[in-house]
Amino acid sequence: MKLFNLGELNWRQTQLIYHALAYKNIESLVLHSSSDRYMCVGLHQNPRDELDIEYCNENNIGIFRREIGGGAVLLDNNQVFYHLIIHRNHPKVPYAPESFFRRFLQPVIQVYYELGISAEYRPLCDLVVREKKISGNGGGEIGECKVLGGSILLDFDYERMARAMYLTDGLKQRFLELMQNNLTTVQKELGVIPLKEEIYSILATKFADFLGPMTDGRIDVEITKKMMELDKQYSSDTWLYQRGTKQIWREIKVREGVLLLHKVFNTQKDSGWVTCEIEENRVKKVTFSNAFPLSHTDQQEIENRLVGMEYDGDKLLYRIIEMIKANGGVIVA
């Protein structure tokens, strides 16, 4: 396996390099950081559904749609990125996604311990400290390889992340508050930020302990050629704004178990919406617009009956629709 310890790259290169290595079937660990800030969305997402495109353009925030899963995230110079590219038939690669993340995030957990932070794995793909997320991860298959991608959060711009999302002002504010309550950083945990070079070194050591010795990798002509080819593909509107997977809810994940859900309905008056906050996979709060219409008493009754319900997207939506109709609200198909 090769080690690509690349230091600081421009934002597009941070994504292109691991995609190119996977397509070239080069098993490797890539360590780097970005010189610029950008929003990166998952394979099954459309930036127009997830991001405030105008805000991103006005604030020089790039937009990239990757070929592995996970949600929209702000990436910048305050993070150290790691990407593991490993052949899907490698003897250490398990079939189940949870087993894959649990196994290959162990070296990252050890990095946090080395820094003095007691991080733990939380399924499916978060690392948490006292139930606060300190590392978000995603994964998937590219070519013949499995890819794990994630970052060490040295610091995080909560406000910019919230502003870059395609949400109403009220939802942006609530998303910001949920992030502040459920996401931590190395800076917050230690009071200082270690040198990136130190973190690169620890990451390389812990992954080598787990996977075996690594040889230095370099970006040669063939890898560069593949990066340029992919850059052309990923820059196209055809790729970037490809329709995402249809979801019954607009789901914004803060961390595993904590979600912000939003659903817009057609009513006789106007569009109406319902927002649900999920905490530890149970309904914590439900909010309605005024378009259904429902009295304050009816809304309160519905909320009281839903709070504490175990989160299941289909069942929750069905219950909400039935309750709205039972209380005189109108939803037009």
C-alpha atoms as a PDB file:
ATOM      1  CA  MET A   1       0.000   0.000   0.000  1.00  0.00           C
ATOM      2  CA  LYS A   2       1.196   3.501  -0.842  1.00  0.00           C
ATOM      3  CA  LEU A   3       1.178   6.574   1.389  1.00  0.00           C
ATOM      4  CA  PHE A   4       0.446   9.910  -0.281  1.00  0.00           C
ATOM      5  CA  ASN A   5       1.326  12.528   2.331  1.00  0.00           C
ATOM      6  CA  LEU A   6       0.503  15.584   0.246  1.00  0.00           C
ATOM      7  CA  GLY A   7       0.180  18.496   2.661  1.00  0.00           C
ATOM      8  CA  GLU A   8      -1.943  21.404   1.456  1.00  0.00           C
ATOM      9  CA  LEU A   9      -3.721  21.182  -1.913  1.00  0.00           C
ATOM     10  CA  ASN A  10      -6.279  23.337  -3.672  1.00  0.00           C
ATOM     11  CA  TRP A  11      -9.840  22.303  -2.965  1.00  0.00           C
ATOM     12  CA  ARG A  12     -10.508  20.431  -6.213  1.00  0.00           C
ATOM     13  CA  GLN A  13      -7.295  18.420  -5.931  1.00  0.00           C
ATOM     14  CA  THR A  14      -8.281  17.213  -2.457  1.00  0.00           C
ATOM     15  CA  GLN A  15     -11.194  15.374  -4.070  1.00  0.00           C
ATOM     16  CA  LEU A  16      -9.685  14.467  -7.427  1.00  0.00           C
ATOM     17  CA  ILE A  17      -6.659  12.666  -6.017  1.00  0.00           C
ATOM     18  CA  TYR A  18      -8.473   9.881  -4.174  1.00  0.00           C
ATOM     19  CA  HIS A  19     -11.002   9.400  -6.983  1.00  0.00           C
ATOM     20  CA  ALA A  20      -8.122   9.027  -9.455  1.00  0.00           C
ATOM     21  CA  LEU A  21      -6.235   6.574  -7.240  1.00  0.00           C
ATOM     22  CA  ALA A  22      -9.347   4.442  -6.832  1.00  0.00           C
ATOM     23  CA  TYR A  23      -9.996   4.340 -10.573  1.00  0.00           C
ATOM     24  CA  LYS A  24      -6.318   3.460 -11.136  1.00  0.00           C
ATOM     25  CA  ASN A  25      -6.774   0.656  -8.555  1.00  0.00           C
ATOM     26  CA  ILE A  26      -3.885   1.963  -6.436  1.00  0.00           C
ATOM     27  CA  GLU A  27      -4.368   0.887  -2.825  1.00  0.00           C
ATOM     28  CA  SER A  28      -3.286   3.842  -0.771  1.00  0.00           C
ATOM     29  CA  LEU A  29      -3.729   6.204   2.154  1.00  0.00           C
ATOM     30  CA  VAL A  30      -3.996   9.865   1.206  1.00  0.00           C
ATOM     31  CA  LEU A  31      -3.350  12.580   3.802  1.00  0.00           C
ATOM     32  CA  HIS A  32      -3.820  16.259   3.015  1.00  0.00           C
ATOM     33  CA  SER A  33      -5.702  19.467   3.750  1.00  0.00           C
ATOM     34  CA  SER A  34      -7.356  22.128   1.608  1.00  0.00           C
ATOM     35  CA  SER A  35      -6.034  25.632   1.029  1.00  0.00           C
ATOM     36  CA  ASP A  36      -9.595  26.816   0.311  1.00  0.00           C
ATOM     37  CA  ARG A  37     -13.084  26.321   1.692  1.00  0.00           C
ATOM     38  CA  TYR A  38     -15.729  24.429  -0.247  1.00  0.00           C
ATOM     39  CA  MET A  39     -18.967  22.526   0.162  1.00  0.00           C
ATOM     40  CA  CYS A  40     -18.833  18.840  -0.697  1.00  0.00           C
ATOM     41  CA  VAL A  41     -22.047  16.863  -1.240  1.00  0.00           C
ATOM     42  CA  GLY A  42     -22.529  13.110  -1.337  1.00  0.00           C
ATOM     43  CA  LEU A  43     -23.077  10.936  -4.384  1.00  0.00           C
ATOM     44  CA  HIS A  44     -26.838  10.747  -3.849  1.00  0.00           C
ATOM     45  CA  GLN A  45     -27.336  14.494  -3.370  1.00  0.00           C
ATOM     46  CA  ASN A  46     -28.023  17.375  -5.750  1.00  0.00           C
ATOM     47  CA  PRO A  47     -26.351  20.654  -4.698  1.00  0.00           C
ATOM     48  CA  ARG A  48     -29.439  22.625  -5.781  1.00  0.00           C
ATOM     49  CA  ASP A  49     -31.473  20.718  -3.181  1.00  0.00           C
ATOM     50  CA  GLU A  50     -28.872  20.994  -0.433  1.00  0.00           C
ATOM     51  CA  LEU A  51     -26.947  24.245  -0.841  1.00  0.00           C
ATOM     52  CA  ASP A  52     -27.556  27.971  -1.098  1.00  0.00           C
ATOM     53  CA  ILE A  53     -25.809  28.228  -4.459  1.00  0.00           C
ATOM     54  CA  GLU A  54     -26.002  32.031  -4.557  1.00  0.00           C
ATOM     55  CA  TYR A  55     -24.392  32.357  -1.130  1.00  0.00           C
ATOM     56  CA  CYS A  56     -21.622  29.920  -2.093  1.00  0.00           C
ATOM     57  CA  ASN A  57     -20.892  31.791  -5.326  1.00  0.00           C
ATOM     58  CA  GLU A  58     -20.883  35.210  -3.644  1.00  0.00           C
ATOM     59  CA  ASN A  59     -18.496  33.984  -0.943  1.00  0.00           C
ATOM     60  CA  ASN A  60     -16.065  32.025  -3.139  1.00  0.00           C
ATOM     61  CA  ILE A  61     -17.117  28.690  -1.685  1.00  0.00           C
ATOM     62  CA  GLY A  62     -16.514  25.915  -4.197  1.00  0.00           C
ATOM     63  CA  ILE A  63     -18.982  23.072  -4.723  1.00  0.00           C
ATOM     64  CA  PHE A  64     -18.012  19.446  -5.367  1.00  0.00           C
ATOM     65  CA  ARG A  65     -20.148  16.323  -5.737  1.00  0.00           C
ATOM     66  CA  ARG A  66     -18.144  13.243  -4.796  1.00  0.00           C
ATOM     67  CA  GLU A  67     -18.593   9.595  -5.743  1.00  0.00           C
ATOM     68  CA  ILE A  68     -18.918   8.331  -2.178  1.00  0.00           C
ATOM     69  CA  GLY A  69     -21.821   8.699   0.220  1.00  0.00           C
ATOM     70  CA  GLY A  70     -22.478  10.914   3.188  1.00  0.00           C
ATOM     71  CA  GLY A  71     -24.055  14.340   3.410  1.00  0.00           C
ATOM     72  CA  ALA A  72     -23.200  17.923   2.556  1.00  0.00           C
ATOM     73  CA  VAL A  73     -20.290  19.279   4.563  1.00  0.00           C
ATOM     74  CA  LEU A  74     -18.110  22.383   4.722  1.00  0.00           C
ATOM     75  CA  LEU A  75     -14.454  21.518   4.157  1.00  0.00           C
ATOM     76  CA  ASP A  76     -11.631  24.003   4.732  1.00  0.00           C
ATOM     77  CA  ASN A  77      -8.114  24.609   6.000  1.00  0.00           C
ATOM     78  CA  ASN A  78      -9.115  23.817   9.590  1.00  0.00           C
ATOM     79  CA  GLN A  79      -9.365  20.094   8.846  1.00  0.00           C
ATOM     80  CA  VAL A  80      -6.974  17.264   8.081  1.00  0.00           C
ATOM     81  CA  PHE A  81      -8.378  14.866   5.480  1.00  0.00           C
ATOM     82  CA  TYR A  82      -7.689  11.143   5.221  1.00  0.00           C
ATOM     83  CA  HIS A  83      -8.811   8.888   2.379  1.00  0.00           C
ATOM     84  CA  LEU A  84      -8.212   5.160   2.421  1.00  0.00           C
ATOM     85  CA  ILE A  85      -8.410   3.409  -0.943  1.00  0.00           C
ATOM     86  CA  ILE A  86      -8.447  -0.371  -0.615  1.00  0.00           C
ATOM     87  CA  HIS A  87      -9.452  -3.099  -3.078  1.00  0.00           C
ATOM     88  CA  ARG A  88     -12.905  -4.461  -2.359  1.00  0.00           C
ATOM     89  CA  ASN A  89     -11.496  -8.018  -2.341  1.00  0.00           C
ATOM     90  CA  HIS A  90      -8.796  -7.180   0.224  1.00  0.00           C
ATOM     91  CA  PRO A  91      -8.921  -9.777   3.037  1.00  0.00           C
ATOM     92  CA  LYS A  92      -9.475  -7.085   5.665  1.00  0.00           C
ATOM     93  CA  VAL A  93     -12.499  -5.578   3.900  1.00  0.00           C
ATOM     94  CA  PRO A  94     -15.816  -6.777   5.378  1.00  0.00           C
ATOM     95  CA  TYR A  95     -19.017  -6.803   3.340  1.00  0.00           C
ATOM     96  CA  ALA A  96     -21.358  -4.895   5.664  1.00  0.00           C
ATOM     97  CA  PRO A  97     -20.964  -1.071   5.634  1.00  0.00           C
ATOM     98  CA  GLU A  98     -21.087  -0.803   9.431  1.00  0.00           C
ATOM     99  CA  SER A  99     -18.351  -3.411   9.805  1.00  0.00           C
ATOM    100  CA  PHE A 100     -16.275  -1.562   7.201  1.00  0.00           C
ATOM    101  CA  PHE A 101     -16.521   1.760   9.035  1.00  0.00           C
ATOM    102  CA  ARG A 102     -16.065   0.209  12.481  1.00  0.00           C
ATOM    103  CA  ARG A 103     -12.889  -1.589  11.367  1.00  0.00           C
ATOM    104  CA  PHE A 104     -11.165   1.118   9.350  1.00  0.00           C
ATOM    105  CA  LEU A 105     -11.977   3.989  11.691  1.00  0.00           C
ATOM    106  CA  GLN A 106     -10.042   2.282  14.496  1.00  0.00           C
ATOM    107  CA  PRO A 107      -6.729   3.876  13.416  1.00  0.00           C
ATOM    108  CA  VAL A 108      -8.418   7.311  13.439  1.00  0.00           C
ATOM    109  CA  ILE A 109      -9.731   6.689  16.960  1.00  0.00           C
ATOM    110  CA  GLN A 110      -6.160   5.877  17.994  1.00  0.00           C
ATOM    111  CA  VAL A 111      -4.994   9.174  16.483  1.00  0.00           C
ATOM    112  CA  TYR A 112      -7.447  11.060  18.676  1.00  0.00           C
ATOM    113  CA  TYR A 113      -6.239   9.104  21.721  1.00  0.00           C
ATOM    114  CA  GLU A 114      -2.656   9.996  20.832  1.00  0.00           C
ATOM    115  CA  LEU A 115      -3.703  13.656  20.798  1.00  0.00           C
ATOM    116  CA  GLY A 116      -5.342  13.282  24.215  1.00  0.00           C
ATOM    117  CA  ILE A 117      -8.971  12.999  23.077  1.00  0.00           C
ATOM    118  CA  SER A 118     -11.138   9.983  23.981  1.00  0.00           C
ATOM    119  CA  ALA A 119     -13.065   9.475  20.738  1.00  0.00           C
ATOM    120  CA  GLU A 120     -15.455   6.570  20.211  1.00  0.00           C
ATOM    121  CA  TYR A 121     -17.077   4.975  17.179  1.00  0.00           C
ATOM    122  CA  ARG A 122     -20.801   5.580  16.733  1.00  0.00           C
ATOM    123  CA  PRO A 123     -22.573   3.679  13.938  1.00  0.00           C
ATOM    124  CA  LEU A 124     -22.823   4.178  11.090  1.00  0.00           C
ATOM    125  CA  CYS A 125     -19.807   6.396  10.476  1.00  0.00           C
ATOM    126  CA  ASP A 126     -19.262   9.045  13.162  1.00  0.00           C
ATOM    127  CA  LEU A 127     -16.572   9.439  15.789  1.00  0.00           C
ATOM    128  CA  VAL A 128     -17.826  11.167  18.921  1.00  0.00           C
ATOM    129  CA  VAL A 129     -16.521  12.625  22.167  1.00  0.00           C
ATOM    130  CA  ARG A 130     -19.094  12.632  24.983  1.00  0.00           C
ATOM    131  CA  GLU A 131     -21.784  12.177  22.295  1.00  0.00           C
ATOM    132  CA  LYS A 132     -20.496  15.163  20.299  1.00  0.00           C
ATOM    133  CA  LYS A 133     -19.328  14.460  16.757  1.00  0.00           C
ATOM    134  CA  ILE A 134     -15.641  15.203  16.159  1.00  0.00           C
ATOM    135  CA  SER A 135     -15.203  13.410  12.842  1.00  0.00           C
ATOM    136  CA  GLY A 136     -17.665  12.870  10.015  1.00  0.00           C
ATOM    137  CA  ASN A 137     -16.976  10.105   7.511  1.00  0.00           C
ATOM    138  CA  GLY A 138     -18.345   8.705   4.300  1.00  0.00           C
ATOM    139  CA  GLY A 139     -17.623   5.768   2.103  1.00  0.00           C
ATOM    140  CA  GLY A 140     -18.484   3.840  -1.002  1.00  0.00           C
ATOM    141  CA  GLU A 141     -17.092   2.059  -4.026  1.00  0.00           C
ATOM    142  CA  ILE A 142     -15.124   3.755  -6.795  1.00  0.00           C
ATOM    143  CA  GLY A 143     -14.021   1.434  -9.564  1.00  0.00           C
ATOM    144  CA  GLU A 144     -12.738  -1.790  -7.993  1.00  0.00           C
ATOM    145  CA  CYS A 145     -11.973  -0.133  -4.666  1.00  0.00           C
ATOM    146  CA  LYS A 146     -13.679   0.696  -1.397  1.00  0.00           C
ATOM    147  CA  VAL A 147     -13.023   4.229  -0.232  1.00  0.00           C
ATOM    148  CA  LEU A 148     -13.198   5.669   3.269  1.00  0.00           C
ATOM    149  CA  GLY A 149     -13.075   9.449   3.526  1.00  0.00           C
ATOM    150  CA  GLY A 150     -13.103  11.635   6.605  1.00  0.00           C
ATOM    151  CA  SER A 151     -11.456  14.470   8.455  1.00  0.00           C
ATOM    152  CA  ILE A 152      -9.883  15.417  11.756  1.00  0.00           C
ATOM    153  CA  LEU A 153     -11.834  18.516  12.829  1.00  0.00           C
ATOM    154  CA  LEU A 154      -9.229  20.921  14.145  1.00  0.00           C
ATOM    155  CA  ASP A 155     -11.752  23.759  14.211  1.00  0.00           C
ATOM    156  CA  PHE A 156     -15.077  24.367  12.484  1.00  0.00           C
ATOM    157  CA  ASP A 157     -16.984  27.339  11.072  1.00  0.00           C
ATOM    158  CA  TYR A 158     -20.489  26.488  12.289  1.00  0.00           C
ATOM    159  CA  GLU A 159     -22.059  29.703  11.064  1.00  0.00           C
ATOM    160  CA  ARG A 160     -20.674  29.476   7.536  1.00  0.00           C
ATOM    161  CA  MET A 161     -21.820  25.864   7.266  1.00  0.00           C
ATOM    162  CA  ALA A 162     -25.361  26.850   8.274  1.00  0.00           C
ATOM    163  CA  ARG A 163     -25.446  29.822   5.898  1.00  0.00           C
ATOM    164  CA  ALA A 164     -24.259  27.683   2.973  1.00  0.00           C
ATOM    165  CA  MET A 165     -27.193  25.288   3.322  1.00  0.00           C
ATOM    166  CA  TYR A 166     -30.436  25.680   1.357  1.00  0.00           C
ATOM    167  CA  LEU A 167     -32.745  26.314   4.301  1.00  0.00           C
ATOM    168  CA  THR A 168     -35.143  28.981   5.476  1.00  0.00           C
ATOM    169  CA  ASP A 169     -33.657  31.532   7.872  1.00  0.00           C
ATOM    170  CA  GLY A 170     -35.424  29.867  10.781  1.00  0.00           C
ATOM    171  CA  LEU A 171     -34.104  26.423   9.881  1.00  0.00           C
ATOM    172  CA  LYS A 172     -30.586  27.779   9.325  1.00  0.00           C
ATOM    173  CA  GLN A 173     -30.637  29.197  12.839  1.00  0.00           C
ATOM    174  CA  ARG A 174     -31.882  25.941  14.334  1.00  0.00           C
ATOM    175  CA  PHE A 175     -29.352  23.915  12.334  1.00  0.00           C
ATOM    176  CA  LEU A 176     -26.626  26.227  13.651  1.00  0.00           C
ATOM    177  CA  GLU A 177     -27.763  25.686  17.242  1.00  0.00           C
ATOM    178  CA  LEU A 178     -27.910  21.920  16.790  1.00  0.00           C
ATOM    179  CA  MET A 179     -24.384  21.875  15.349  1.00  0.00           C
ATOM    180  CA  GLN A 180     -23.055  23.986  18.215  1.00  0.00           C
ATOM    181  CA  ASN A 181     -24.614  21.547  20.688  1.00  0.00           C
ATOM    182  CA  ASN A 182     -23.633  18.325  18.921  1.00  0.00           C
ATOM    183  CA  LEU A 183     -20.327  18.926  17.158  1.00  0.00           C
ATOM    184  CA  THR A 184     -16.959  19.500  18.799  1.00  0.00           C
ATOM    185  CA  THR A 185     -13.390  20.035  17.563  1.00  0.00           C
ATOM    186  CA  VAL A 186      -9.786  19.433  18.564  1.00  0.00           C
ATOM    187  CA  GLN A 187      -9.540  23.126  19.465  1.00  0.00           C
ATOM    188  CA  LYS A 188     -12.508  22.861  21.830  1.00  0.00           C
ATOM    189  CA  GLU A 189     -11.269  19.649  23.431  1.00  0.00           C
ATOM    190  CA  LEU A 190      -7.612  20.579  23.888  1.00  0.00           C
ATOM    191  CA  GLY A 191      -7.603  24.375  23.846  1.00  0.00           C
ATOM    192  CA  VAL A 192      -4.868  24.253  21.193  1.00  0.00           C
ATOM    193  CA  ILE A 193      -4.484  22.993  17.638  1.00  0.00           C
ATOM    194  CA  PRO A 194      -1.539  20.618  17.037  1.00  0.00           C
ATOM    195  CA  LEU A 195       0.585  21.031  13.942  1.00  0.00           C
ATOM    196  CA  LYS A 196      -0.885  19.326  10.894  1.00  0.00           C
ATOM    197  CA  GLU A 197       2.446  17.642  10.210  1.00  0.00           C
ATOM    198  CA  GLU A 198       2.181  15.941  13.599  1.00  0.00           C
ATOM    199  CA  ILE A 199      -1.309  14.685  12.783  1.00  0.00           C
ATOM    200  CA  TYR A 200      -0.220  13.436   9.341  1.00  0.00           C
ATOM    201  CA  SER A 201       2.579  11.492  11.025  1.00  0.00           C
ATOM    202  CA  ILE A 202       0.295   9.892  13.623  1.00  0.00           C
ATOM    203  CA  LEU A 203      -2.305   8.981  10.987  1.00  0.00           C
ATOM    204  CA  ALA A 204       0.351   7.330   8.824  1.00  0.00           C
ATOM    205  CA  THR A 205       1.730   5.372  11.790  1.00  0.00           C
ATOM    206  CA  LYS A 206      -1.647   4.134  13.044  1.00  0.00           C
ATOM    207  CA  PHE A 207      -2.847   3.030   9.606  1.00  0.00           C
ATOM    208  CA  ALA A 208       0.504   1.309   8.940  1.00  0.00           C
ATOM    209  CA  ASP A 209       0.194  -0.532  12.265  1.00  0.00           C
ATOM    210  CA  PHE A 210      -3.201  -1.776  11.114  1.00  0.00           C
ATOM    211  CA  LEU A 211      -2.581  -2.449   7.414  1.00  0.00           C
ATOM    212  CA  GLY A 212       1.145  -3.092   7.237  1.00  0.00           C
ATOM    213  CA  PRO A 213       4.123  -1.095   5.938  1.00  0.00           C
ATOM    214  CA  MET A 214       3.509   1.622   3.349  1.00  0.00           C
ATOM    215  CA  THR A 215       5.757   2.974   0.621  1.00  0.00           C
ATOM    216  CA  ASP A 216       5.875   6.612  -0.370  1.00  0.00           C
ATOM    217  CA  GLY A 217       3.534   7.464  -3.224  1.00  0.00           C
ATOM    218  CA  ARG A 218       3.960  10.248  -5.728  1.00  0.00           C
ATOM    219  CA  ILE A 219       1.560  11.800  -8.205  1.00  0.00           C
ATOM    220  CA  ASP A 220       3.017  10.629 -11.493  1.00  0.00           C
ATOM    221  CA  VAL A 221       1.993  11.336 -15.087  1.00  0.00           C
ATOM    222  CA  GLU A 222      -0.691   8.630 -15.200  1.00  0.00           C
ATOM    223  CA  ILE A 223      -2.343   9.772 -11.961  1.00  0.00           C
ATOM    224  CA  THR A 224      -2.216  13.396 -13.092  1.00  0.00           C
ATOM    225  CA  LYS A 225      -3.812  12.441 -16.407  1.00  0.00           C
ATOM    226  CA  LYS A 226      -6.636  10.648 -14.578  1.00  0.00           C
ATOM    227  CA  MET A 227      -7.168  13.626 -12.259  1.00  0.00           C
ATOM    228  CA  MET A 228      -7.486  15.945 -15.259  1.00  0.00           C
ATOM    229  CA  GLU A 229      -9.945  13.589 -16.935  1.00  0.00           C
ATOM    230  CA  LEU A 230     -12.082  13.396 -13.803  1.00  0.00           C
ATOM    231  CA  ASP A 231     -11.874  17.146 -13.238  1.00  0.00           C
ATOM    232  CA  LYS A 232     -13.525  17.703 -16.604  1.00  0.00           C
ATOM    233  CA  GLN A 233     -16.281  15.221 -15.749  1.00  0.00           C
ATOM    234  CA  TYR A 234     -16.921  16.495 -12.218  1.00  0.00           C
ATOM    235  CA  SER A 235     -16.939  20.151 -13.340  1.00  0.00           C
ATOM    236  CA  SER A 236     -19.813  19.588 -15.745  1.00  0.00           C
ATOM    237  CA  ASP A 237     -23.355  20.582 -14.811  1.00  0.00           C
ATOM    238  CA  THR A 238     -24.434  17.125 -15.994  1.00  0.00           C
ATOM    239  CA  TRP A 239     -22.481  15.561 -13.136  1.00  0.00           C
ATOM    240  CA  LEU A 240     -22.741  18.289 -10.507  1.00  0.00           C
ATOM    241  CA  TYR A 241     -26.497  18.815 -10.693  1.00  0.00           C
ATOM    242  CA  GLN A 242     -27.520  15.252 -11.394  1.00  0.00           C
ATOM    243  CA  ARG A 243     -30.847  14.521  -9.743  1.00  0.00           C
ATOM    244  CA  GLY A 244     -30.294  13.066  -6.284  1.00  0.00           C
ATOM    245  CA  THR A 245     -32.069  10.130  -4.701  1.00  0.00           C
ATOM    246  CA  LYS A 246     -35.686  11.046  -4.036  1.00  0.00           C
ATOM    247  CA  GLN A 247     -36.336  11.337  -0.304  1.00  0.00           C
ATOM    248  CA  ILE A 248     -39.673  11.512   1.489  1.00  0.00           C
ATOM    249  CA  TRP A 249     -38.113  14.052   3.879  1.00  0.00           C
ATOM    250  CA  ARG A 250     -35.450  16.689   3.444  1.00  0.00           C
ATOM    251  CA  GLU A 251     -33.019  15.214   5.951  1.00  0.00           C
ATOM    252  CA  ILE A 252     -30.140  17.235   7.413  1.00  0.00           C
ATOM    253  CA  LYS A 253     -27.901  15.154   9.646  1.00  0.00           C
ATOM    254  CA  VAL A 254     -26.076  16.901  12.467  1.00  0.00           C
ATOM    255  CA  ARG A 255     -24.583  13.703  13.849  1.00  0.00           C
ATOM    256  CA  GLU A 256     -25.675  10.089  14.075  1.00  0.00           C
ATOM    257  CA  GLY A 257     -29.016  10.099  15.884  1.00  0.00           C
ATOM    258  CA  VAL A 258     -29.575  13.863  15.588  1.00  0.00           C
ATOM    259  CA  LEU A 259     -31.456  15.026  12.496  1.00  0.00           C
ATOM    260  CA  LEU A 260     -33.443  17.981  11.249  1.00  0.00           C
ATOM    261  CA  LEU A 261     -36.335  16.903   8.985  1.00  0.00           C
ATOM    262  CA  HIS A 262     -38.374  19.160   6.727  1.00  0.00           C
ATOM    263  CA  LYS A 263     -41.357  18.306   4.533  1.00  0.00           C
ATOM    264  CA  VAL A 264     -43.344  20.630   2.250  1.00  0.00           C
ATOM    265  CA  PHE A 265     -46.980  19.781   1.436  1.00  0.00           C
ATOM    266  CA  ASN A 266     -49.485  21.247  -0.993  1.00  0.00           C
ATOM    267  CA  THR A 267     -52.607  22.598   0.743  1.00  0.00           C
ATOM    268  CA  GLN A 268     -55.712  24.428  -0.478  1.00  0.00           C
ATOM    269  CA  LYS A 269     -54.284  27.733   0.735  1.00  0.00           C
ATOM    270  CA  ASP A 270     -50.597  27.533  -0.016  1.00  0.00           C
ATOM    271  CA  SER A 271     -47.597  25.319   0.526  1.00  0.00           C
ATOM    272  CA  GLY A 272     -47.414  24.082   4.081  1.00  0.00           C
ATOM    273  CA  TRP A 273     -44.505  22.521   5.889  1.00  0.00           C
ATOM    274  CA  VAL A 274     -43.662  20.374   8.879  1.00  0.00           C
ATOM    275  CA  THR A 275     -40.287  20.333  10.608  1.00  0.00           C
ATOM    276  CA  CYS A 276     -39.206  17.584  13.002  1.00  0.00           C
ATOM    277  CA  GLU A 277     -36.178  17.482  15.245  1.00  0.00           C
ATOM    278  CA  ILE A 278     -34.857  13.994  15.954  1.00  0.00           C
ATOM    279  CA  GLU A 279     -32.636  13.376  18.949  1.00  0.00           C
ATOM    280  CA  GLU A 280     -31.158   9.958  19.735  1.00  0.00           C
ATOM    281  CA  ASN A 281     -33.422   8.569  17.000  1.00  0.00           C
ATOM    282  CA  ARG A 282     -36.633   9.787  18.639  1.00  0.00           C
ATOM    283  CA  VAL A 283     -38.901  12.714  17.831  1.00  0.00           C
ATOM    284  CA  LYS A 284     -38.032  15.648  20.094  1.00  0.00           C
ATOM    285  CA  LYS A 285     -39.993  18.500  18.540  1.00  0.00           C
ATOM    286  CA  VAL A 286     -42.515  19.077  15.729  1.00  0.00           C
ATOM    287  CA  THR A 287     -43.315  22.473  14.161  1.00  0.00           C
ATOM    288  CA  PHE A 288     -46.057  23.321  11.631  1.00  0.00           C
ATOM    289  CA  SER A 289     -46.607  26.230   9.247  1.00  0.00           C
ATOM    290  CA  ASN A 290     -49.942  28.060   9.267  1.00  0.00           C
ATOM    291  CA  ALA A 291     -51.103  26.800   5.886  1.00  0.00           C
ATOM    292  CA  PHE A 292     -52.988  23.608   6.854  1.00  0.00           C
ATOM    293  CA  PRO A 293     -54.828  25.266   8.865  1.00  0.00           C
ATOM    294  CA  LEU A 294     -54.582  23.964  12.419  1.00  0.00           C
ATOM    295  CA  SER A 295     -55.365  25.689  15.682  1.00  0.00           C
ATOM    296  CA  HIS A 296     -52.603  26.120  18.223  1.00  0.00           C
ATOM    297  CA  THR A 297     -54.380  23.545  20.402  1.00  0.00           C
ATOM    298  CA  ASP A 298     -54.508  21.016  17.557  1.00  0.00           C
ATOM    299  CA  GLN A 299     -50.842  21.562  16.754  1.00  0.00           C
ATOM    300  CA  GLN A 300     -49.917  21.094  20.399  1.00  0.00           C
ATOM    301  CA  GLU A 301     -51.956  17.892  20.605  1.00  0.00           C
ATOM    302  CA  ILE A 302     -50.287  16.453  17.502  1.00  0.00           C
ATOM    303  CA  GLU A 303     -46.846  17.373  18.783  1.00  0.00           C
ATOM    304  CA  ASN A 304     -47.526  15.802  22.195  1.00  0.00           C
ATOM    305  CA  ARG A 305     -48.590  12.558  20.515  1.00  0.00           C
ATOM    306  CA  LEU A 306     -45.525  12.454  18.261  1.00  0.00           C
ATOM    307  CA  VAL A 307     -42.801  13.433  20.730  1.00  0.00           C
ATOM    308  CA  GLY A 308     -40.898  10.360  21.857  1.00  0.00           C
ATOM    309  CA  MET A 309     -41.872   8.307  18.791  1.00  0.00           C
ATOM    310  CA  GLU A 310     -38.991   6.210  17.443  1.00  0.00           C
ATOM    311  CA  TYR A 311     -37.714   7.666  14.192  1.00  0.00           C
ATOM    312  CA  ASP A 312     -38.859   5.829  11.097  1.00  0.00           C
ATOM    313  CA  GLY A 313     -39.212   8.191   8.153  1.00  0.00           C
ATOM    314  CA  ASP A 314     -42.142   6.472   6.441  1.00  0.00           C
ATOM    315  CA  LYS A 315     -44.114   5.805   9.629  1.00  0.00           C
ATOM    316  CA  LEU A 316     -43.524   9.304  10.980  1.00  0.00           C
ATOM    317  CA  LEU A 317     -44.717  10.953   7.769  1.00  0.00           C
ATOM    318  CA  TYR A 318     -47.808   8.728   7.628  1.00  0.00           C
ATOM    319  CA  ARG A 319     -48.688   9.544  11.247  1.00  0.00           C
ATOM    320  CA  ILE A 320     -48.284  13.283  10.661  1.00  0.00           C
ATOM    321  CA  ILE A 321     -50.498  13.258   7.560  1.00  0.00           C
ATOM    322  CA  GLU A 322     -53.190  11.268   9.336  1.00  0.00           C
ATOM    323  CA  MET A 323     -53.122  13.576  12.357  1.00  0.00           C
ATOM    324  CA  ILE A 324     -53.295  16.726  10.235  1.00  0.00           C
ATOM    325  CA  LYS A 325     -56.316  15.374   8.385  1.00  0.00           C
ATOM    326  CA  ALA A 326     -57.996  14.153  11.569  1.00  0.00           C
ATOM    327  CA  ASN A 327     -57.735  17.660  13.016  1.00  0.00           C
ATOM    328  CA  GLY A 328     -59.278  19.376  10.003  1.00  0.00           C
ATOM    329  CA  GLY A 329     -56.080  20.172   8.124  1.00  0.00           C
ATOM    330  CA  VAL A 330     -56.085  19.840   4.359  1.00  0.00           C
ATOM    331  CA  ILE A 331     -53.337  18.257   2.241  1.00  0.00           C
ATOM    332  CA  VAL A 332     -53.696  18.175  -1.527  1.00  0.00           C
ATOM    333  CA  ALA A 333     -51.990  15.238  -3.253  1.00  0.00           C
END
